[in-house]
C-alpha atoms as a PDB file:
ATOM      1  CA  MET A   1     -33.734   6.861 -30.711  1.00  0.00           C
ATOM      2  CA  MET A   2     -30.270   7.595 -31.981  1.00  0.00           C
ATOM      3  CA  TYR A   3     -27.620   8.773 -29.547  1.00  0.00           C
ATOM      4  CA  MET A   4     -24.062   9.884 -30.103  1.00  0.00           C
ATOM      5  CA  HIS A   5     -21.254   8.027 -28.350  1.00  0.00           C
ATOM      6  CA  TYR A   6     -17.472   8.394 -28.310  1.00  0.00           C
ATOM      7  CA  CYS A   7     -14.918   5.621 -27.850  1.00  0.00           C
ATOM      8  CA  LYS A   8     -11.591   6.783 -26.400  1.00  0.00           C
ATOM      9  CA  ARG A   9      -9.737   3.692 -27.564  1.00  0.00           C
ATOM     10  CA  CYS A  10     -10.994   3.821 -31.183  1.00  0.00           C
ATOM     11  CA  HIS A  11     -11.063   7.652 -31.312  1.00  0.00           C
ATOM     12  CA  ARG A  12     -14.395   7.464 -33.121  1.00  0.00           C
ATOM     13  CA  VAL A  13     -17.834   8.967 -32.757  1.00  0.00           C
ATOM     14  CA  TYR A  14     -20.619   6.413 -33.134  1.00  0.00           C
ATOM     15  CA  MET A  15     -24.312   6.938 -33.865  1.00  0.00           C
ATOM     16  CA  LEU A  16     -26.028   4.176 -31.921  1.00  0.00           C
ATOM     17  CA  ASN A  17     -29.662   3.409 -31.250  1.00  0.00           C
ATOM     18  CA  GLY A  18     -30.234   3.461 -27.521  1.00  0.00           C
ATOM     19  CA  HIS A  19     -27.984   4.172 -24.581  1.00  0.00           C
ATOM     20  CA  LYS A  20     -25.055   1.820 -25.077  1.00  0.00           C
ATOM     21  CA  GLN A  21     -22.184   1.190 -22.665  1.00  0.00           C
ATOM     22  CA  LYS A  22     -19.784  -0.870 -24.810  1.00  0.00           C
ATOM     23  CA  CYS A  23     -18.038   0.016 -28.056  1.00  0.00           C
ATOM     24  CA  PRO A  24     -19.689  -1.616 -31.097  1.00  0.00           C
ATOM     25  CA  ASN A  25     -16.274  -2.351 -32.625  1.00  0.00           C
ATOM     26  CA  PRO A  26     -15.747  -6.128 -32.115  1.00  0.00           C
ATOM     27  CA  GLN A  27     -11.980  -5.668 -31.634  1.00  0.00           C
ATOM     28  CA  CYS A  28     -12.450  -2.976 -28.969  1.00  0.00           C
ATOM     29  CA  LYS A  29     -15.470  -3.698 -26.721  1.00  0.00           C
ATOM     30  CA  CYS A  30     -14.320  -1.105 -24.140  1.00  0.00           C
ATOM     31  CA  SER A  31     -16.683   1.333 -22.426  1.00  0.00           C
ATOM     32  CA  ILE A  32     -17.901   4.332 -24.410  1.00  0.00           C
ATOM     33  CA  THR A  33     -19.077   7.812 -23.432  1.00  0.00           C
ATOM     34  CA  GLU A  34     -22.517   9.095 -24.344  1.00  0.00           C
ATOM     35  CA  LEU A  35     -22.434  12.628 -25.757  1.00  0.00           C
ATOM     36  CA  LYS A  36     -24.892  15.497 -25.210  1.00  0.00           C
ATOM     37  CA  ILE A  37     -25.051  16.468 -28.859  1.00  0.00           C
ATOM     38  CA  PRO A  38     -28.357  15.487 -30.493  1.00  0.00           C
ATOM     39  CA  TYR A  39     -28.318  13.123 -33.431  1.00  0.00           C
ATOM     40  CA  MET A  40     -29.798  15.704 -35.826  1.00  0.00           C
ATOM     41  CA  ASP A  41     -27.124  18.292 -34.927  1.00  0.00           C
ATOM     42  CA  TYR A  42     -24.362  15.793 -35.661  1.00  0.00           C
ATOM     43  CA  VAL A  43     -25.968  14.714 -38.939  1.00  0.00           C
ATOM     44  CA  SER A  44     -26.248  18.330 -40.077  1.00  0.00           C
ATOM     45  CA  MET A  45     -22.481  18.913 -39.566  1.00  0.00           C
ATOM     46  CA  ASN A  46     -20.197  18.804 -42.582  1.00  0.00           C
ATOM     47  CA  GLN A  47     -17.179  16.493 -42.729  1.00  0.00           C
ATOM     48  CA  GLU A  48     -14.737  19.108 -41.388  1.00  0.00           C
ATOM     49  CA  ALA A  49     -16.976  19.968 -38.422  1.00  0.00           C
ATOM     50  CA  ARG A  50     -17.333  16.269 -37.593  1.00  0.00           C
ATOM     51  CA  ALA A  51     -13.541  15.789 -37.650  1.00  0.00           C
ATOM     52  CA  GLU A  52     -13.115  18.840 -35.394  1.00  0.00           C
ATOM     53  CA  PHE A  53     -15.807  17.481 -33.042  1.00  0.00           C
ATOM     54  CA  CYS A  54     -13.986  14.140 -32.899  1.00  0.00           C
ATOM     55  CA  ASN A  55     -10.735  15.949 -32.023  1.00  0.00           C
ATOM     56  CA  CYS A  56     -12.552  17.805 -29.237  1.00  0.00           C
ATOM     57  CA  CYS A  57     -13.752  14.480 -27.842  1.00  0.00           C
ATOM     58  CA  ALA A  58     -10.162  13.196 -27.775  1.00  0.00           C
ATOM     59  CA  ASP A  59      -9.330  15.845 -25.145  1.00  0.00           C
ATOM     60  CA  GLU A  60     -10.346  14.563 -21.696  1.00  0.00           C
ATOM     61  CA  GLU A  61     -11.498  17.945 -20.339  1.00  0.00           C
ATOM     62  CA  GLN A  62     -13.644  18.718 -23.364  1.00  0.00           C
ATOM     63  CA  LEU A  63     -15.042  15.198 -23.382  1.00  0.00           C
ATOM     64  CA  GLN A  64     -16.243  15.744 -19.807  1.00  0.00           C
ATOM     65  CA  LYS A  65     -18.097  18.889 -20.970  1.00  0.00           C
ATOM     66  CA  LEU A  66     -19.548  17.149 -24.036  1.00  0.00           C
ATOM     67  CA  SER A  67     -20.620  13.962 -22.246  1.00  0.00           C
ATOM     68  CA  THR A  68     -23.767  13.069 -20.378  1.00  0.00           C
ATOM     69  CA  THR A  69     -24.877  10.124 -18.275  1.00  0.00           C
ATOM     70  CA  TYR A  70     -28.011   8.147 -18.903  1.00  0.00           C
ATOM     71  CA  ARG A  71     -29.655   8.015 -15.507  1.00  0.00           C
ATOM     72  CA  MET A  72     -32.118   5.227 -16.217  1.00  0.00           C
ATOM     73  CA  PHE A  73     -29.674   2.584 -17.447  1.00  0.00           C
ATOM     74  CA  LYS A  74     -29.971   0.686 -14.160  1.00  0.00           C
ATOM     75  CA  TYR A  75     -33.552  -0.196 -15.072  1.00  0.00           C
ATOM     76  CA  SER A  76     -32.806  -1.532 -18.543  1.00  0.00           C
ATOM     77  CA  LYS A  77     -32.852  -5.243 -19.391  1.00  0.00           C
ATOM     78  CA  TRP A  78     -29.282  -5.331 -20.682  1.00  0.00           C
ATOM     79  CA  TYR A  79     -27.946  -3.748 -17.491  1.00  0.00           C
ATOM     80  CA  LYS A  80     -29.799  -6.205 -15.267  1.00  0.00           C
ATOM     81  CA  LYS A  81     -28.566  -9.090 -17.414  1.00  0.00           C
ATOM     82  CA  GLU A  82     -24.981  -7.763 -17.269  1.00  0.00           C
ATOM     83  CA  GLN A  83     -25.182  -7.404 -13.477  1.00  0.00           C
ATOM     84  CA  ALA A  84     -26.495 -10.958 -13.140  1.00  0.00           C
ATOM     85  CA  GLN A  85     -23.622 -12.264 -15.282  1.00  0.00           C
ATOM     86  CA  GLU A  86     -21.054 -10.316 -13.267  1.00  0.00           C
ATOM     87  CA  LEU A  87     -22.538 -11.630 -10.017  1.00  0.00           C
ATOM     88  CA  ALA A  88     -22.473 -15.209 -11.339  1.00  0.00           C
ATOM     89  CA  GLN A  89     -18.825 -14.788 -12.403  1.00  0.00           C
ATOM     90  CA  LYS A  90     -17.916 -13.325  -9.021  1.00  0.00           C
ATOM     91  CA  ASN A  91     -19.642 -16.177  -7.183  1.00  0.00           C
ATOM     92  CA  ALA A  92     -17.924 -18.759  -9.398  1.00  0.00           C
ATOM     93  CA  GLN A  93     -14.532 -17.145  -8.761  1.00  0.00           C
ATOM     94  CA  GLU A  94     -15.132 -17.064  -4.992  1.00  0.00           C
ATOM     95  CA  LEU A  95     -16.236 -20.696  -4.997  1.00  0.00           C
ATOM     96  CA  THR A  96     -13.178 -21.729  -7.027  1.00  0.00           C
ATOM     97  CA  GLN A  97     -10.943 -19.780  -4.668  1.00  0.00           C
ATOM     98  CA  LYS A  98     -12.483 -21.398  -1.570  1.00  0.00           C
ATOM     99  CA  LEU A  99     -12.188 -24.875  -3.070  1.00  0.00           C
ATOM    100  CA  THR A 100      -8.562 -24.252  -3.998  1.00  0.00           C
ATOM    101  CA  GLN A 101      -7.773 -23.049  -0.477  1.00  0.00           C
ATOM    102  CA  THR A 102      -9.552 -26.011   1.092  1.00  0.00           C
ATOM    103  CA  LEU A 103      -7.697 -28.486  -1.100  1.00  0.00           C
ATOM    104  CA  ALA A 104      -4.382 -26.785  -0.396  1.00  0.00           C
ATOM    105  CA  GLN A 105      -5.046 -26.926   3.343  1.00  0.00           C
ATOM    106  CA  LYS A 106      -5.965 -30.604   3.128  1.00  0.00           C
ATOM    107  CA  LEU A 107      -2.811 -31.419   1.183  1.00  0.00           C
ATOM    108  CA  THR A 108      -0.560 -29.564   3.608  1.00  0.00           C
ATOM    109  CA  HIS A 109      -2.367 -31.120   6.576  1.00  0.00           C
ATOM    110  CA  GLU A 110      -1.834 -34.635   5.204  1.00  0.00           C
ATOM    111  CA  GLN A 111       1.857 -33.976   4.642  1.00  0.00           C
ATOM    112  CA  GLU A 112       2.448 -32.724   8.201  1.00  0.00           C
ATOM    113  CA  PRO A 113       3.525 -35.317  10.763  1.00  0.00           C
ATOM    114  CA  LYS A 114       0.561 -36.412  12.779  1.00  0.00           C
ATOM    115  CA  GLN A 115       1.491 -35.296  16.259  1.00  0.00           C
ATOM    116  CA  HIS A 116      -1.847 -35.317  17.922  1.00  0.00           C
ATOM    117  CA  GLN A 117      -2.981 -38.767  16.880  1.00  0.00           C
ATOM    118  CA  THR A 118      -4.643 -40.845  19.588  1.00  0.00           C
ATOM    119  CA  GLN A 119      -2.473 -43.766  20.593  1.00  0.00           C
ATOM    120  CA  PHE A 120      -4.151 -46.714  22.178  1.00  0.00           C
ATOM    121  CA  PRO A 121      -2.387 -48.289  25.151  1.00  0.00           C
ATOM    122  CA  GLN A 122      -0.685 -51.527  24.296  1.00  0.00           C
ATOM    123  CA  ALA A 123      -1.418 -54.650  26.284  1.00  0.00           C
ATOM    124  CA  MET A 124       1.062 -55.004  29.094  1.00  0.00           C
ATOM    125  CA  ILE A 125       1.934 -58.118  30.974  1.00  0.00           C
ATOM    126  CA  ILE A 126       3.072 -57.525  34.492  1.00  0.00           C
ATOM    127  CA  ALA A 127       5.001 -60.407  36.024  1.00  0.00           C
ATOM    128  CA  TYR A 128       6.076 -60.649  39.649  1.00  0.00           C
ATOM    129  CA  SER A 129       8.916 -62.876  40.541  1.00  0.00           C
ATOM    130  CA  ILE A 130       8.165 -65.091  43.501  1.00  0.00           C
ATOM    131  CA  ALA A 131      11.046 -66.503  45.436  1.00  0.00           C
ATOM    132  CA  ASP A 132      11.262 -70.215  45.091  1.00  0.00           C
ATOM    133  CA  THR A 133      10.211 -71.595  48.439  1.00  0.00           C
ATOM    134  CA  ALA A 134       9.737 -75.080  49.660  1.00  0.00           C
ATOM    135  CA  PRO A 135       6.230 -76.411  49.851  1.00  0.00           C
ATOM    136  CA  MET A 136       4.541 -75.910  53.094  1.00  0.00           C
ATOM    137  CA  GLU A 137       4.737 -79.403  54.435  1.00  0.00           C
ATOM    138  CA  ASP A 138       5.070 -78.422  58.041  1.00  0.00           C
ATOM    139  CA  ALA A 139       2.182 -76.029  57.982  1.00  0.00           C
ATOM    140  CA  VAL A 140      -0.642 -76.430  60.421  1.00  0.00           C
ATOM    141  CA  SER A 141      -4.084 -75.566  59.413  1.00  0.00           C
ATOM    142  CA  MET A 142      -6.747 -74.453  61.769  1.00  0.00           C
ATOM    143  CA  VAL A 143     -10.279 -75.078  61.242  1.00  0.00           C
END
């Protein structure tokens, strides 16, 4: 079916098949508003009435009155695909952010002086000085 949509950025009314969410203009691609007016009513308008209708849509208050929301868009294939893409982008961004933080922490940790490194005890030689005494020639041994 044909539905009427209005793009605020382009200031244009579009006749599009289906309930679209993005502007068909390749330079714009912003979100568009679906209008309540039936396709046949718009087609039956003359050029002046269409221009006046477009001017009405340019006013935010009147656009709210003229617009409608498609309630079932959450069940459409394009919406599910768009949600999956957004989720994949979000996950990729989070992963990139975590990796960047981890690398930054590693780099700062390597640059810090290593205070809590385990130091092994070094071999120590303990020497006792013994007074130089004469041999024990006069010693008596008991057996």
